[in-house]
């Protein structure tokens, strides 16, 4: 399984998404992003926007933003 979480250090919404992945026992990689929105080109490339968190589930072809959506997806699909 290849799951990636784009996150910003100290971001409470990113921590919420990471906690959901950890609680579900999902193996994932964290891609730490720059604090400046204008420097988040990788996030923009994969998701079409520069906000975080962004979850990419390559196995299922899913890319999503917003911590609440990510938590729901993890609980319903990956747990």
PDB file of N, CA and C in Angstrom:
ATOM      1  N   UNK A   1       0.850  -1.184   0.000  1.00  0.00           N
ATOM      2  CA  UNK A   1       0.000   0.000   0.000  1.00  0.00           C
ATOM      3  C   UNK A   1       0.888   1.236   0.000  1.00  0.00           C
ATOM      4  N   UNK A   2       0.562   2.172  -0.857  1.00  0.00           N
ATOM      5  CA  UNK A   2       1.322   3.411  -0.888  1.00  0.00           C
ATOM      6  C   UNK A   2       0.390   4.561  -0.539  1.00  0.00           C
ATOM      7  N   UNK A   3       0.535   5.032   0.695  1.00  0.00           N
ATOM      8  CA  UNK A   3      -0.249   6.169   1.175  1.00  0.00           C
ATOM      9  C   UNK A   3       0.737   7.248   1.584  1.00  0.00           C
ATOM     10  N   UNK A   4       0.461   8.458   1.100  1.00  0.00           N
ATOM     11  CA  UNK A   4       1.320   9.596   1.429  1.00  0.00           C
ATOM     12  C   UNK A   4       0.464  10.702   2.035  1.00  0.00           C
ATOM     13  N   UNK A   5       0.994  11.333   3.057  1.00  0.00           N
ATOM     14  CA  UNK A   5       0.327  12.462   3.686  1.00  0.00           C
ATOM     15  C   UNK A   5       1.226  13.681   3.552  1.00  0.00           C
ATOM     16  N   UNK A   6       0.734  14.692   2.848  1.00  0.00           N
ATOM     17  CA  UNK A   6       1.445  15.964   2.752  1.00  0.00           C
ATOM     18  C   UNK A   6       1.030  16.790   3.958  1.00  0.00           C
ATOM     19  N   UNK A   7       2.013  17.229   4.734  1.00  0.00           N
ATOM     20  CA  UNK A   7       1.711  17.888   5.998  1.00  0.00           C
ATOM     21  C   UNK A   7       2.724  18.992   6.294  1.00  0.00           C
ATOM     22  N   UNK A   8       2.304  19.876   7.160  1.00  0.00           N
ATOM     23  CA  UNK A   8       3.131  20.982   7.630  1.00  0.00           C
ATOM     24  C   UNK A   8       3.397  20.758   9.106  1.00  0.00           C
ATOM     25  N   UNK A   9       4.637  20.833   9.520  1.00  0.00           N
ATOM     26  CA  UNK A   9       4.999  20.640  10.920  1.00  0.00           C
ATOM     27  C   UNK A   9       4.261  21.652  11.798  1.00  0.00           C
ATOM     28  N   UNK A  10       3.593  21.161  12.829  1.00  0.00           N
ATOM     29  CA  UNK A  10       2.870  22.026  13.759  1.00  0.00           C
ATOM     30  C   UNK A  10       1.443  22.333  13.349  1.00  0.00           C
ATOM     31  N   UNK A  11       0.995  21.824  12.217  1.00  0.00           N
ATOM     32  CA  UNK A  11      -0.370  22.052  11.730  1.00  0.00           C
ATOM     33  C   UNK A  11      -1.329  21.109  12.458  1.00  0.00           C
ATOM     34  N   UNK A  12      -2.303  21.653  13.210  1.00  0.00           N
ATOM     35  CA  UNK A  12      -3.209  20.786  13.970  1.00  0.00           C
ATOM     36  C   UNK A  12      -4.087  19.907  13.086  1.00  0.00           C
ATOM     37  N   UNK A  13      -4.445  20.388  11.896  1.00  0.00           N
ATOM     38  CA  UNK A  13      -5.266  19.581  10.988  1.00  0.00           C
ATOM     39  C   UNK A  13      -4.452  18.440  10.410  1.00  0.00           C
ATOM     40  N   UNK A  14      -3.177  18.688  10.163  1.00  0.00           N
ATOM     41  CA  UNK A  14      -2.289  17.635   9.682  1.00  0.00           C
ATOM     42  C   UNK A  14      -2.093  16.569  10.759  1.00  0.00           C
ATOM     43  N   UNK A  15      -1.964  17.010  11.997  1.00  0.00           N
ATOM     44  CA  UNK A  15      -1.821  16.068  13.103  1.00  0.00           C
ATOM     45  C   UNK A  15      -3.072  15.205  13.256  1.00  0.00           C
ATOM     46  N   UNK A  16      -4.238  15.799  13.046  1.00  0.00           N
ATOM     47  CA  UNK A  16      -5.493  15.045  13.130  1.00  0.00           C
ATOM     48  C   UNK A  16      -5.514  13.945  12.069  1.00  0.00           C
ATOM     49  N   UNK A  17      -5.094  14.271  10.852  1.00  0.00           N
ATOM     50  CA  UNK A  17      -5.047  13.284   9.780  1.00  0.00           C
ATOM     51  C   UNK A  17      -4.024  12.191  10.087  1.00  0.00           C
ATOM     52  N   UNK A  18      -2.857  12.583  10.571  1.00  0.00           N
ATOM     53  CA  UNK A  18      -1.814  11.610  10.918  1.00  0.00           C
ATOM     54  C   UNK A  18      -2.272  10.710  12.062  1.00  0.00           C
ATOM     55  N   UNK A  19      -2.945  11.284  13.048  1.00  0.00           N
ATOM     56  CA  UNK A  19      -3.461  10.481  14.164  1.00  0.00           C
ATOM     57  C   UNK A  19      -4.452   9.432  13.676  1.00  0.00           C
ATOM     58  N   UNK A  20      -5.310   9.792  12.729  1.00  0.00           N
ATOM     59  CA  UNK A  20      -6.276   8.834  12.186  1.00  0.00           C
ATOM     60  C   UNK A  20      -5.551   7.687  11.485  1.00  0.00           C
ATOM     61  N   UNK A  21      -4.529   8.017  10.712  1.00  0.00           N
ATOM     62  CA  UNK A  21      -3.744   6.972  10.040  1.00  0.00           C
ATOM     63  C   UNK A  21      -3.043   6.081  11.062  1.00  0.00           C
ATOM     64  N   UNK A  22      -2.452   6.693  12.081  1.00  0.00           N
ATOM     65  CA  UNK A  22      -1.772   5.921  13.124  1.00  0.00           C
ATOM     66  C   UNK A  22      -2.749   5.025  13.873  1.00  0.00           C
ATOM     67  N   UNK A  23      -3.898   5.573  14.251  1.00  0.00           N
ATOM     68  CA  UNK A  23      -4.902   4.805  14.996  1.00  0.00           C
ATOM     69  C   UNK A  23      -5.420   3.617  14.194  1.00  0.00           C
ATOM     70  N   UNK A  24      -5.487   3.776  12.868  1.00  0.00           N
ATOM     71  CA  UNK A  24      -5.965   2.701  11.998  1.00  0.00           C
ATOM     72  C   UNK A  24      -4.863   1.711  11.644  1.00  0.00           C
ATOM     73  N   UNK A  25      -3.628   2.005  12.044  1.00  0.00           N
ATOM     74  CA  UNK A  25      -2.516   1.112  11.746  1.00  0.00           C
ATOM     75  C   UNK A  25      -2.094   1.138  10.286  1.00  0.00           C
ATOM     76  N   UNK A  26      -2.326   2.254   9.617  1.00  0.00           N
ATOM     77  CA  UNK A  26      -1.988   2.384   8.204  1.00  0.00           C
ATOM     78  C   UNK A  26      -0.529   2.814   8.064  1.00  0.00           C
ATOM     79  N   UNK A  27       0.205   2.090   7.246  1.00  0.00           N
ATOM     80  CA  UNK A  27       1.585   2.487   6.932  1.00  0.00           C
ATOM     81  C   UNK A  27       1.511   3.614   5.903  1.00  0.00           C
ATOM     82  N   UNK A  28       2.232   4.685   6.161  1.00  0.00           N
ATOM     83  CA  UNK A  28       2.203   5.830   5.255  1.00  0.00           C
ATOM     84  C   UNK A  28       3.504   6.606   5.352  1.00  0.00           C
ATOM     85  N   UNK A  29       3.747   7.398   4.315  1.00  0.00           N
ATOM     86  CA  UNK A  29       4.899   8.301   4.287  1.00  0.00           C
ATOM     87  C   UNK A  29       4.397   9.709   4.512  1.00  0.00           C
ATOM     88  N   UNK A  30       5.145  10.490   5.256  1.00  0.00           N
ATOM     89  CA  UNK A  30       4.820  11.898   5.421  1.00  0.00           C
ATOM     90  C   UNK A  30       5.748  12.716   4.542  1.00  0.00           C
ATOM     91  N   UNK A  31       5.158  13.560   3.720  1.00  0.00           N
ATOM     92  CA  UNK A  31       5.911  14.509   2.908  1.00  0.00           C
ATOM     93  C   UNK A  31       5.745  15.868   3.582  1.00  0.00           C
ATOM     94  N   UNK A  32       6.799  16.353   4.203  1.00  0.00           N
ATOM     95  CA  UNK A  32       6.736  17.636   4.898  1.00  0.00           C
ATOM     96  C   UNK A  32       6.823  18.760   3.884  1.00  0.00           C
ATOM     97  N   UNK A  33       5.926  19.718   4.000  1.00  0.00           N
ATOM     98  CA  UNK A  33       5.867  20.822   3.043  1.00  0.00           C
ATOM     99  C   UNK A  33       6.398  22.099   3.669  1.00  0.00           C
ATOM    100  N   UNK A  34       6.707  23.040   2.809  1.00  0.00           N
ATOM    101  CA  UNK A  34       7.204  24.347   3.226  1.00  0.00           C
ATOM    102  C   UNK A  34       6.072  25.166   3.829  1.00  0.00           C
ATOM    103  N   UNK A  35       6.406  26.022   4.766  1.00  0.00           N
ATOM    104  CA  UNK A  35       5.408  26.868   5.408  1.00  0.00           C
ATOM    105  C   UNK A  35       4.795  27.883   4.443  1.00  0.00           C
ATOM    106  N   UNK A  36       5.558  28.315   3.454  1.00  0.00           N
ATOM    107  CA  UNK A  36       5.045  29.279   2.479  1.00  0.00           C
ATOM    108  C   UNK A  36       4.176  28.583   1.437  1.00  0.00           C
ATOM    109  N   UNK A  37       2.928  29.042   1.310  1.00  0.00           N
ATOM    110  CA  UNK A  37       2.031  28.460   0.311  1.00  0.00           C
ATOM    111  C   UNK A  37       2.647  28.483  -1.078  1.00  0.00           C
ATOM    112  N   UNK A  38       3.330  29.568  -1.406  1.00  0.00           N
ATOM    113  CA  UNK A  38       3.886  29.717  -2.750  1.00  0.00           C
ATOM    114  C   UNK A  38       4.995  28.704  -3.053  1.00  0.00           C
ATOM    115  N   UNK A  39       5.535  28.054  -2.024  1.00  0.00           N
ATOM    116  CA  UNK A  39       6.592  27.063  -2.224  1.00  0.00           C
ATOM    117  C   UNK A  39       6.067  25.622  -2.190  1.00  0.00           C
ATOM    118  N   UNK A  40       4.762  25.448  -2.165  1.00  0.00           N
ATOM    119  CA  UNK A  40       4.183  24.103  -2.080  1.00  0.00           C
ATOM    120  C   UNK A  40       3.811  23.573  -3.461  1.00  0.00           C
ATOM    121  N   UNK A  41       4.757  23.599  -4.360  1.00  0.00           N
ATOM    122  CA  UNK A  41       4.493  23.187  -5.736  1.00  0.00           C
ATOM    123  C   UNK A  41       4.151  21.705  -5.856  1.00  0.00           C
ATOM    124  N   UNK A  42       4.767  20.864  -5.049  1.00  0.00           N
ATOM    125  CA  UNK A  42       4.470  19.429  -5.096  1.00  0.00           C
ATOM    126  C   UNK A  42       3.032  19.165  -4.671  1.00  0.00           C
ATOM    127  N   UNK A  43       2.571  19.841  -3.631  1.00  0.00           N
ATOM    128  CA  UNK A  43       1.182  19.683  -3.186  1.00  0.00           C
ATOM    129  C   UNK A  43       0.241  20.146  -4.296  1.00  0.00           C
ATOM    130  N   UNK A  44       0.557  21.260  -4.910  1.00  0.00           N
ATOM    131  CA  UNK A  44      -0.265  21.785  -6.016  1.00  0.00           C
ATOM    132  C   UNK A  44      -0.296  20.799  -7.173  1.00  0.00           C
ATOM    133  N   UNK A  45       0.830  20.186  -7.466  1.00  0.00           N
ATOM    134  CA  UNK A  45       0.899  19.231  -8.573  1.00  0.00           C
ATOM    135  C   UNK A  45      -0.002  18.025  -8.326  1.00  0.00           C
ATOM    136  N   UNK A  46      -0.001  17.494  -7.109  1.00  0.00           N
ATOM    137  CA  UNK A  46      -0.766  16.269  -6.845  1.00  0.00           C
ATOM    138  C   UNK A  46      -2.228  16.529  -6.520  1.00  0.00           C
ATOM    139  N   UNK A  47      -2.554  17.730  -5.990  1.00  0.00           N
ATOM    140  CA  UNK A  47      -3.925  17.947  -5.521  1.00  0.00           C
ATOM    141  C   UNK A  47      -4.650  19.121  -6.172  1.00  0.00           C
ATOM    142  N   UNK A  48      -3.921  19.951  -6.899  1.00  0.00           N
ATOM    143  CA  UNK A  48      -4.554  21.094  -7.526  1.00  0.00           C
ATOM    144  C   UNK A  48      -4.696  22.306  -6.625  1.00  0.00           C
ATOM    145  N   UNK A  49      -4.197  22.206  -5.418  1.00  0.00           N
ATOM    146  CA  UNK A  49      -4.235  23.329  -4.474  1.00  0.00           C
ATOM    147  C   UNK A  49      -3.016  23.229  -3.556  1.00  0.00           C
ATOM    148  N   UNK A  50      -2.781  24.243  -2.758  1.00  0.00           N
ATOM    149  CA  UNK A  50      -1.560  24.271  -1.944  1.00  0.00           C
ATOM    150  C   UNK A  50      -1.808  24.067  -0.453  1.00  0.00           C
ATOM    151  N   UNK A  51      -3.048  23.867  -0.056  1.00  0.00           N
ATOM    152  CA  UNK A  51      -3.350  23.658   1.362  1.00  0.00           C
ATOM    153  C   UNK A  51      -2.999  22.250   1.812  1.00  0.00           C
ATOM    154  N   UNK A  52      -2.789  22.091   3.089  1.00  0.00           N
ATOM    155  CA  UNK A  52      -2.526  20.783   3.692  1.00  0.00           C
ATOM    156  C   UNK A  52      -3.460  20.602   4.878  1.00  0.00           C
ATOM    157  N   UNK A  53      -3.751  19.389   5.255  1.00  0.00           N
ATOM    158  CA  UNK A  53      -3.173  18.131   4.783  1.00  0.00           C
ATOM    159  C   UNK A  53      -3.776  17.682   3.456  1.00  0.00           C
ATOM    160  N   UNK A  54      -2.992  16.872   2.761  1.00  0.00           N
ATOM    161  CA  UNK A  54      -3.443  16.195   1.548  1.00  0.00           C
ATOM    162  C   UNK A  54      -3.035  14.738   1.679  1.00  0.00           C
ATOM    163  N   UNK A  55      -3.984  13.849   1.431  1.00  0.00           N
ATOM    164  CA  UNK A  55      -3.726  12.413   1.463  1.00  0.00           C
ATOM    165  C   UNK A  55      -3.738  11.889   0.034  1.00  0.00           C
ATOM    166  N   UNK A  56      -2.740  11.075  -0.301  1.00  0.00           N
ATOM    167  CA  UNK A  56      -2.681  10.417  -1.599  1.00  0.00           C
ATOM    168  C   UNK A  56      -2.618   8.917  -1.347  1.00  0.00           C
ATOM    169  N   UNK A  57      -3.637   8.202  -1.821  1.00  0.00           N
ATOM    170  CA  UNK A  57      -3.692   6.748  -1.741  1.00  0.00           C
ATOM    171  C   UNK A  57      -3.521   6.237  -3.167  1.00  0.00           C
ATOM    172  N   UNK A  58      -2.290   5.929  -3.529  1.00  0.00           N
ATOM    173  CA  UNK A  58      -1.977   5.534  -4.898  1.00  0.00           C
ATOM    174  C   UNK A  58      -2.666   4.236  -5.290  1.00  0.00           C
ATOM    175  N   UNK A  59      -2.797   3.317  -4.368  1.00  0.00           N
ATOM    176  CA  UNK A  59      -3.397   2.016  -4.665  1.00  0.00           C
ATOM    177  C   UNK A  59      -4.846   2.162  -5.128  1.00  0.00           C
ATOM    178  N   UNK A  60      -5.569   3.094  -4.538  1.00  0.00           N
ATOM    179  CA  UNK A  60      -6.978   3.290  -4.865  1.00  0.00           C
ATOM    180  C   UNK A  60      -7.212   4.489  -5.788  1.00  0.00           C
ATOM    181  N   UNK A  61      -6.151   5.192  -6.160  1.00  0.00           N
ATOM    182  CA  UNK A  61      -6.280   6.335  -7.040  1.00  0.00           C
ATOM    183  C   UNK A  61      -7.010   7.508  -6.409  1.00  0.00           C
ATOM    184  N   UNK A  62      -6.812   7.692  -5.096  1.00  0.00           N
ATOM    185  CA  UNK A  62      -7.525   8.735  -4.355  1.00  0.00           C
ATOM    186  C   UNK A  62      -6.552   9.814  -3.896  1.00  0.00           C
ATOM    187  N   UNK A  63      -6.933  11.065  -4.137  1.00  0.00           N
ATOM    188  CA  UNK A  63      -6.217  12.219  -3.604  1.00  0.00           C
ATOM    189  C   UNK A  63      -7.257  13.116  -2.981  1.00  0.00           C
ATOM    190  N   UNK A  64      -7.033  13.512  -1.732  1.00  0.00           N
ATOM    191  CA  UNK A  64      -8.012  14.361  -1.066  1.00  0.00           C
ATOM    192  C   UNK A  64      -7.367  15.302  -0.072  1.00  0.00           C
ATOM    193  N   UNK A  65      -8.063  16.408   0.160  1.00  0.00           N
ATOM    194  CA  UNK A  65      -7.638  17.415   1.131  1.00  0.00           C
ATOM    195  C   UNK A  65      -8.692  17.488   2.231  1.00  0.00           C
ATOM    196  N   UNK A  66      -8.465  18.359   3.199  1.00  0.00           N
ATOM    197  CA  UNK A  66      -9.370  18.600   4.329  1.00  0.00           C
ATOM    198  C   UNK A  66      -9.295  17.447   5.335  1.00  0.00           C
ATOM    199  N   UNK A  67      -8.884  17.777   6.538  1.00  0.00           N
ATOM    200  CA  UNK A  67      -8.665  16.763   7.564  1.00  0.00           C
ATOM    201  C   UNK A  67      -9.916  15.937   7.865  1.00  0.00           C
ATOM    202  N   UNK A  68     -11.091  16.558   7.902  1.00  0.00           N
ATOM    203  CA  UNK A  68     -12.319  15.808   8.193  1.00  0.00           C
ATOM    204  C   UNK A  68     -12.580  14.760   7.114  1.00  0.00           C
ATOM    205  N   UNK A  69     -12.360  15.107   5.859  1.00  0.00           N
ATOM    206  CA  UNK A  69     -12.536  14.151   4.767  1.00  0.00           C
ATOM    207  C   UNK A  69     -11.516  13.023   4.861  1.00  0.00           C
ATOM    208  N   UNK A  70     -10.288  13.385   5.207  1.00  0.00           N
ATOM    209  CA  UNK A  70      -9.227  12.377   5.325  1.00  0.00           C
ATOM    210  C   UNK A  70      -9.543  11.407   6.457  1.00  0.00           C
ATOM    211  N   UNK A  71      -9.940  11.930   7.609  1.00  0.00           N
ATOM    212  CA  UNK A  71     -10.271  11.073   8.756  1.00  0.00           C
ATOM    213  C   UNK A  71     -11.405  10.125   8.388  1.00  0.00           C
ATOM    214  N   UNK A  72     -12.444  10.635   7.754  1.00  0.00           N
ATOM    215  CA  UNK A  72     -13.576   9.779   7.353  1.00  0.00           C
ATOM    216  C   UNK A  72     -13.128   8.717   6.376  1.00  0.00           C
ATOM    217  N   UNK A  73     -12.309   9.072   5.406  1.00  0.00           N
ATOM    218  CA  UNK A  73     -11.801   8.112   4.424  1.00  0.00           C
ATOM    219  C   UNK A  73     -10.978   7.012   5.099  1.00  0.00           C
ATOM    220  N   UNK A  74     -10.097   7.429   6.006  1.00  0.00           N
ATOM    221  CA  UNK A  74      -9.263   6.455   6.715  1.00  0.00           C
ATOM    222  C   UNK A  74     -10.141   5.483   7.503  1.00  0.00           C
ATOM    223  N   UNK A  75     -11.107   6.022   8.241  1.00  0.00           N
ATOM    224  CA  UNK A  75     -11.973   5.167   9.073  1.00  0.00           C
ATOM    225  C   UNK A  75     -12.839   4.236   8.244  1.00  0.00           C
ATOM    226  N   UNK A  76     -13.327   4.707   7.101  1.00  0.00           N
ATOM    227  CA  UNK A  76     -14.235   3.899   6.282  1.00  0.00           C
ATOM    228  C   UNK A  76     -13.524   2.964   5.315  1.00  0.00           C
ATOM    229  N   UNK A  77     -12.347   3.365   4.841  1.00  0.00           N
ATOM    230  CA  UNK A  77     -11.706   2.630   3.753  1.00  0.00           C
ATOM    231  C   UNK A  77     -10.419   1.924   4.164  1.00  0.00           C
ATOM    232  N   UNK A  78      -9.608   2.559   4.964  1.00  0.00           N
ATOM    233  CA  UNK A  78      -8.285   2.005   5.252  1.00  0.00           C
ATOM    234  C   UNK A  78      -8.183   1.263   6.577  1.00  0.00           C
ATOM    235  N   UNK A  79      -9.104   1.524   7.485  1.00  0.00           N
ATOM    236  CA  UNK A  79      -9.013   0.894   8.828  1.00  0.00           C
ATOM    237  C   UNK A  79      -9.393  -0.568   8.776  1.00  0.00           C
TER     238      UNK A  79
END
